[in-house]
Amino acid sequence: TRGAWNIVQNHPAVGELETDFLLDV
């Protein structure tokens, strides 16, 4: 699955996640 990843990409709080985490994921 990739549902959580799809939700994260459109969520306003995505800017609060670490850049390295987002790149790795």
PDB file of all heavy atoms in Angstrom:
ATOM      1  N   THR A   1       0.820  -1.213   0.000  1.00  0.00           N
ATOM      2  CA  THR A   1       0.000   0.000   0.000  1.00  0.00           C
ATOM      3  C   THR A   1       0.855   1.263   0.000  1.00  0.00           C
ATOM      4  O   THR A   1       2.045   1.236   0.287  1.00  0.00           O
ATOM      5  CB  THR A   1      -0.929   0.025   1.233  1.00  0.00           C
ATOM      6  OG1 THR A   1      -0.117  -0.019   2.409  1.00  0.00           O
ATOM      7  CG2 THR A   1      -1.870  -1.158   1.221  1.00  0.00           C
ATOM      8  N   ARG A   2       0.204   2.371  -0.342  1.00  0.00           N
ATOM      9  CA  ARG A   2       0.847   3.686  -0.321  1.00  0.00           C
ATOM     10  C   ARG A   2      -0.138   4.771   0.109  1.00  0.00           C
ATOM     11  O   ARG A   2       0.054   5.941  -0.164  1.00  0.00           O
ATOM     12  CB  ARG A   2       1.485   4.008  -1.674  1.00  0.00           C
ATOM     13  CG  ARG A   2       0.539   3.997  -2.838  1.00  0.00           C
ATOM     14  CD  ARG A   2       1.153   4.421  -4.161  1.00  0.00           C
ATOM     15  NE  ARG A   2       1.452   5.820  -4.176  1.00  0.00           N
ATOM     16  CZ  ARG A   2       2.665   6.331  -4.420  1.00  0.00           C
ATOM     17  NH1 ARG A   2       3.667   5.575  -4.681  1.00  0.00           N
ATOM     18  NH2 ARG A   2       2.846   7.629  -4.412  1.00  0.00           N
ATOM     19  N   GLY A   3      -1.210   4.367   0.771  1.00  0.00           N
ATOM     20  CA  GLY A   3      -2.251   5.310   1.181  1.00  0.00           C
ATOM     21  C   GLY A   3      -1.747   6.402   2.107  1.00  0.00           C
ATOM     22  O   GLY A   3      -2.092   7.577   1.939  1.00  0.00           O
ATOM     23  N   ALA A   4      -0.927   6.034   3.094  1.00  0.00           N
ATOM     24  CA  ALA A   4      -0.409   7.043   4.029  1.00  0.00           C
ATOM     25  C   ALA A   4       0.447   8.065   3.287  1.00  0.00           C
ATOM     26  O   ALA A   4       0.370   9.263   3.562  1.00  0.00           O
ATOM     27  CB  ALA A   4       0.401   6.375   5.146  1.00  0.00           C
ATOM     28  N   TRP A   5       1.254   7.600   2.353  1.00  0.00           N
ATOM     29  CA  TRP A   5       2.105   8.506   1.573  1.00  0.00           C
ATOM     30  C   TRP A   5       1.257   9.444   0.727  1.00  0.00           C
ATOM     31  O   TRP A   5       1.539  10.636   0.614  1.00  0.00           O
ATOM     32  CB  TRP A   5       3.069   7.714   0.718  1.00  0.00           C
ATOM     33  CG  TRP A   5       3.944   8.538  -0.162  1.00  0.00           C
ATOM     34  CD1 TRP A   5       4.043   8.464  -1.524  1.00  0.00           C
ATOM     35  CD2 TRP A   5       4.873   9.565   0.228  1.00  0.00           C
ATOM     36  NE1 TRP A   5       4.950   9.376  -1.983  1.00  0.00           N
ATOM     37  CE2 TRP A   5       5.477  10.066  -0.930  1.00  0.00           C
ATOM     38  CE3 TRP A   5       5.229  10.118   1.462  1.00  0.00           C
ATOM     39  CZ2 TRP A   5       6.423  11.086  -0.906  1.00  0.00           C
ATOM     40  CZ3 TRP A   5       6.177  11.124   1.482  1.00  0.00           C
ATOM     41  CH2 TRP A   5       6.768  11.593   0.307  1.00  0.00           C
ATOM     42  N   ASN A   6       0.197   8.936   0.121  1.00  0.00           N
ATOM     43  CA  ASN A   6      -0.688   9.782  -0.685  1.00  0.00           C
ATOM     44  C   ASN A   6      -1.346  10.863   0.178  1.00  0.00           C
ATOM     45  O   ASN A   6      -1.474  12.011  -0.245  1.00  0.00           O
ATOM     46  CB  ASN A   6      -1.761   8.944  -1.372  1.00  0.00           C
ATOM     47  CG  ASN A   6      -1.191   8.058  -2.456  1.00  0.00           C
ATOM     48  OD1 ASN A   6      -0.079   8.282  -2.935  1.00  0.00           O
ATOM     49  ND2 ASN A   6      -1.918   7.034  -2.829  1.00  0.00           N
ATOM     50  N   ILE A   7      -1.755  10.507   1.385  1.00  0.00           N
ATOM     51  CA  ILE A   7      -2.384  11.476   2.291  1.00  0.00           C
ATOM     52  C   ILE A   7      -1.382  12.549   2.701  1.00  0.00           C
ATOM     53  O   ILE A   7      -1.691  13.740   2.711  1.00  0.00           O
ATOM     54  CB  ILE A   7      -2.965  10.766   3.528  1.00  0.00           C
ATOM     55  CG1 ILE A   7      -4.190   9.952   3.118  1.00  0.00           C
ATOM     56  CG2 ILE A   7      -3.319  11.754   4.625  1.00  0.00           C
ATOM     57  CD1 ILE A   7      -4.697   9.002   4.181  1.00  0.00           C
ATOM     58  N   VAL A   8      -0.162  12.135   3.018  1.00  0.00           N
ATOM     59  CA  VAL A   8       0.868  13.079   3.472  1.00  0.00           C
ATOM     60  C   VAL A   8       1.147  14.139   2.416  1.00  0.00           C
ATOM     61  O   VAL A   8       1.309  15.315   2.731  1.00  0.00           O
ATOM     62  CB  VAL A   8       2.166  12.322   3.835  1.00  0.00           C
ATOM     63  CG1 VAL A   8       3.347  13.263   3.955  1.00  0.00           C
ATOM     64  CG2 VAL A   8       1.972  11.560   5.138  1.00  0.00           C
ATOM     65  N   GLN A   9       1.202  13.740   1.164  1.00  0.00           N
ATOM     66  CA  GLN A   9       1.555  14.673   0.099  1.00  0.00           C
ATOM     67  C   GLN A   9       0.562  15.816  -0.039  1.00  0.00           C
ATOM     68  O   GLN A   9       0.923  16.895  -0.508  1.00  0.00           O
ATOM     69  CB  GLN A   9       1.670  13.921  -1.232  1.00  0.00           C
ATOM     70  CG  GLN A   9       2.836  12.958  -1.241  1.00  0.00           C
ATOM     71  CD  GLN A   9       2.900  12.200  -2.527  1.00  0.00           C
ATOM     72  OE1 GLN A   9       3.176  12.774  -3.574  1.00  0.00           O
ATOM     73  NE2 GLN A   9       2.629  10.913  -2.462  1.00  0.00           N
ATOM     74  N   ASN A  10      -0.676  15.576   0.353  1.00  0.00           N
ATOM     75  CA  ASN A  10      -1.714  16.610   0.203  1.00  0.00           C
ATOM     76  C   ASN A  10      -2.090  17.270   1.526  1.00  0.00           C
ATOM     77  O   ASN A  10      -2.994  18.088   1.557  1.00  0.00           O
ATOM     78  CB  ASN A  10      -2.966  15.996  -0.432  1.00  0.00           C
ATOM     79  CG  ASN A  10      -2.696  15.475  -1.817  1.00  0.00           C
ATOM     80  OD1 ASN A  10      -2.027  16.127  -2.613  1.00  0.00           O
ATOM     81  ND2 ASN A  10      -3.182  14.282  -2.115  1.00  0.00           N
ATOM     82  N   HIS A  11      -1.414  16.911   2.599  1.00  0.00           N
ATOM     83  CA  HIS A  11      -1.771  17.423   3.922  1.00  0.00           C
ATOM     84  C   HIS A  11      -1.018  18.726   4.206  1.00  0.00           C
ATOM     85  O   HIS A  11       0.162  18.844   3.892  1.00  0.00           O
ATOM     86  CB  HIS A  11      -1.432  16.378   4.986  1.00  0.00           C
ATOM     87  CG  HIS A  11      -2.157  16.584   6.262  1.00  0.00           C
ATOM     88  ND1 HIS A  11      -1.788  17.549   7.167  1.00  0.00           N
ATOM     89  CD2 HIS A  11      -3.237  15.967   6.786  1.00  0.00           C
ATOM     90  CE1 HIS A  11      -2.595  17.507   8.196  1.00  0.00           C
ATOM     91  NE2 HIS A  11      -3.494  16.556   7.999  1.00  0.00           N
ATOM     92  N   PRO A  12      -1.688  19.718   4.812  1.00  0.00           N
ATOM     93  CA  PRO A  12      -1.020  20.992   5.094  1.00  0.00           C
ATOM     94  C   PRO A  12       0.149  20.872   6.089  1.00  0.00           C
ATOM     95  O   PRO A  12       1.036  21.718   6.101  1.00  0.00           O
ATOM     96  CB  PRO A  12      -2.125  21.879   5.673  1.00  0.00           C
ATOM     97  CG  PRO A  12      -3.329  21.039   5.827  1.00  0.00           C
ATOM     98  CD  PRO A  12      -3.104  19.736   5.164  1.00  0.00           C
ATOM     99  N   ALA A  13       0.170  19.810   6.886  1.00  0.00           N
ATOM    100  CA  ALA A  13       1.238  19.655   7.885  1.00  0.00           C
ATOM    101  C   ALA A  13       2.516  19.058   7.300  1.00  0.00           C
ATOM    102  O   ALA A  13       3.504  18.905   8.011  1.00  0.00           O
ATOM    103  CB  ALA A  13       0.749  18.791   9.037  1.00  0.00           C
ATOM    104  N   VAL A  14       2.516  18.754   6.001  1.00  0.00           N
ATOM    105  CA  VAL A  14       3.698  18.133   5.396  1.00  0.00           C
ATOM    106  C   VAL A  14       4.934  19.022   5.544  1.00  0.00           C
ATOM    107  O   VAL A  14       6.054  18.535   5.673  1.00  0.00           O
ATOM    108  CB  VAL A  14       3.443  17.772   3.907  1.00  0.00           C
ATOM    109  CG1 VAL A  14       3.387  19.007   3.032  1.00  0.00           C
ATOM    110  CG2 VAL A  14       4.502  16.811   3.399  1.00  0.00           C
ATOM    111  N   GLY A  15       4.741  20.321   5.596  1.00  0.00           N
ATOM    112  CA  GLY A  15       5.859  21.256   5.750  1.00  0.00           C
ATOM    113  C   GLY A  15       6.553  21.145   7.097  1.00  0.00           C
ATOM    114  O   GLY A  15       7.674  21.623   7.258  1.00  0.00           O
ATOM    115  N   GLU A  16       5.896  20.517   8.056  1.00  0.00           N
ATOM    116  CA  GLU A  16       6.479  20.349   9.386  1.00  0.00           C
ATOM    117  C   GLU A  16       7.373  19.109   9.490  1.00  0.00           C
ATOM    118  O   GLU A  16       8.091  18.945  10.463  1.00  0.00           O
ATOM    119  CB  GLU A  16       5.373  20.253  10.447  1.00  0.00           C
ATOM    120  CG  GLU A  16       4.521  21.490  10.566  1.00  0.00           C
ATOM    121  CD  GLU A  16       5.274  22.709  11.065  1.00  0.00           C
ATOM    122  OE1 GLU A  16       6.221  22.549  11.864  1.00  0.00           O
ATOM    123  OE2 GLU A  16       4.936  23.824  10.630  1.00  0.00           O
ATOM    124  N   LEU A  17       7.299  18.218   8.492  1.00  0.00           N
ATOM    125  CA  LEU A  17       8.140  17.019   8.512  1.00  0.00           C
ATOM    126  C   LEU A  17       9.552  17.357   8.045  1.00  0.00           C
ATOM    127  O   LEU A  17       9.745  18.260   7.235  1.00  0.00           O
ATOM    128  CB  LEU A  17       7.540  15.936   7.617  1.00  0.00           C
ATOM    129  CG  LEU A  17       6.234  15.335   8.113  1.00  0.00           C
ATOM    130  CD1 LEU A  17       5.580  14.496   7.033  1.00  0.00           C
ATOM    131  CD2 LEU A  17       6.471  14.494   9.364  1.00  0.00           C
ATOM    132  N   GLU A  18      10.536  16.583   8.547  1.00  0.00           N
ATOM    133  CA  GLU A  18      11.926  16.841   8.171  1.00  0.00           C
ATOM    134  C   GLU A  18      12.127  16.569   6.682  1.00  0.00           C
ATOM    135  O   GLU A  18      11.597  15.598   6.145  1.00  0.00           O
ATOM    136  CB  GLU A  18      12.878  15.931   8.966  1.00  0.00           C
ATOM    137  CG  GLU A  18      12.704  15.936  10.456  1.00  0.00           C
ATOM    138  CD  GLU A  18      12.020  14.669  10.954  1.00  0.00           C
ATOM    139  OE1 GLU A  18      12.357  13.563  10.525  1.00  0.00           O
ATOM    140  OE2 GLU A  18      11.118  14.810  11.786  1.00  0.00           O
ATOM    141  N   THR A  19      12.907  17.397   6.044  1.00  0.00           N
ATOM    142  CA  THR A  19      13.175  17.260   4.614  1.00  0.00           C
ATOM    143  C   THR A  19      13.821  15.926   4.313  1.00  0.00           C
ATOM    144  O   THR A  19      13.448  15.254   3.336  1.00  0.00           O
ATOM    145  CB  THR A  19      14.071  18.418   4.130  1.00  0.00           C
ATOM    146  OG1 THR A  19      13.427  19.651   4.446  1.00  0.00           O
ATOM    147  CG2 THR A  19      14.310  18.344   2.646  1.00  0.00           C
ATOM    148  N   ASP A  20      14.785  15.505   5.128  1.00  0.00           N
ATOM    149  CA  ASP A  20      15.458  14.224   4.887  1.00  0.00           C
ATOM    150  C   ASP A  20      14.470  13.065   4.950  1.00  0.00           C
ATOM    151  O   ASP A  20      14.544  12.133   4.153  1.00  0.00           O
ATOM    152  CB  ASP A  20      16.579  14.000   5.904  1.00  0.00           C
ATOM    153  CG  ASP A  20      17.777  14.897   5.648  1.00  0.00           C
ATOM    154  OD1 ASP A  20      17.868  15.470   4.538  1.00  0.00           O
ATOM    155  OD2 ASP A  20      18.621  15.022   6.552  1.00  0.00           O
ATOM    156  N   PHE A  21      13.548  13.124   5.894  1.00  0.00           N
ATOM    157  CA  PHE A  21      12.533  12.075   6.017  1.00  0.00           C
ATOM    158  C   PHE A  21      11.684  12.019   4.753  1.00  0.00           C
ATOM    159  O   PHE A  21      11.470  10.948   4.187  1.00  0.00           O
ATOM    160  CB  PHE A  21      11.650  12.325   7.242  1.00  0.00           C
ATOM    161  CG  PHE A  21      10.499  11.364   7.366  1.00  0.00           C
ATOM    162  CD1 PHE A  21      10.706  10.060   7.765  1.00  0.00           C
ATOM    163  CD2 PHE A  21       9.204  11.778   7.073  1.00  0.00           C
ATOM    164  CE1 PHE A  21       9.638   9.173   7.868  1.00  0.00           C
ATOM    165  CE2 PHE A  21       8.137  10.905   7.173  1.00  0.00           C
ATOM    166  CZ  PHE A  21       8.358   9.594   7.578  1.00  0.00           C
ATOM    167  N   LEU A  22      11.223  13.169   4.300  1.00  0.00           N
ATOM    168  CA  LEU A  22      10.388  13.216   3.091  1.00  0.00           C
ATOM    169  C   LEU A  22      11.139  12.700   1.867  1.00  0.00           C
ATOM    170  O   LEU A  22      10.579  11.964   1.047  1.00  0.00           O
ATOM    171  CB  LEU A  22       9.880  14.635   2.852  1.00  0.00           C
ATOM    172  CG  LEU A  22       8.864  15.154   3.865  1.00  0.00           C
ATOM    173  CD1 LEU A  22       8.586  16.633   3.637  1.00  0.00           C
ATOM    174  CD2 LEU A  22       7.577  14.352   3.799  1.00  0.00           C
ATOM    175  N   LEU A  23      12.414  13.065   1.728  1.00  0.00           N
ATOM    176  CA  LEU A  23      13.213  12.594   0.599  1.00  0.00           C
ATOM    177  C   LEU A  23      13.425  11.083   0.661  1.00  0.00           C
ATOM    178  O   LEU A  23      13.298  10.387  -0.365  1.00  0.00           O
ATOM    179  CB  LEU A  23      14.554  13.324   0.553  1.00  0.00           C
ATOM    180  CG  LEU A  23      14.496  14.805   0.189  1.00  0.00           C
ATOM    181  CD1 LEU A  23      15.865  15.453   0.369  1.00  0.00           C
ATOM    182  CD2 LEU A  23      13.985  14.996  -1.233  1.00  0.00           C
ATOM    183  N   ASP A  24      13.738  10.579   1.854  1.00  0.00           N
ATOM    184  CA  ASP A  24      13.947   9.132   2.013  1.00  0.00           C
ATOM    185  C   ASP A  24      12.665   8.358   1.719  1.00  0.00           C
ATOM    186  O   ASP A  24      12.685   7.326   1.041  1.00  0.00           O
ATOM    187  CB  ASP A  24      14.437   8.807   3.426  1.00  0.00           C
ATOM    188  CG  ASP A  24      15.862   9.265   3.681  1.00  0.00           C
ATOM    189  OD1 ASP A  24      16.577   9.594   2.705  1.00  0.00           O
ATOM    190  OD2 ASP A  24      16.266   9.307   4.866  1.00  0.00           O
ATOM    191  N   VAL A  25      11.552   8.854   2.231  1.00  0.00           N
ATOM    192  CA  VAL A  25      10.275   8.168   2.013  1.00  0.00           C
ATOM    193  C   VAL A  25       9.874   8.239   0.538  1.00  0.00           C
ATOM    194  O   VAL A  25       9.403   7.257  -0.037  1.00  0.00           O
ATOM    195  CB  VAL A  25       9.173   8.758   2.928  1.00  0.00           C
ATOM    196  CG1 VAL A  25       7.809   8.231   2.559  1.00  0.00           C
ATOM    197  CG2 VAL A  25       9.483   8.456   4.377  1.00  0.00           C
TER     198      VAL A  25
END
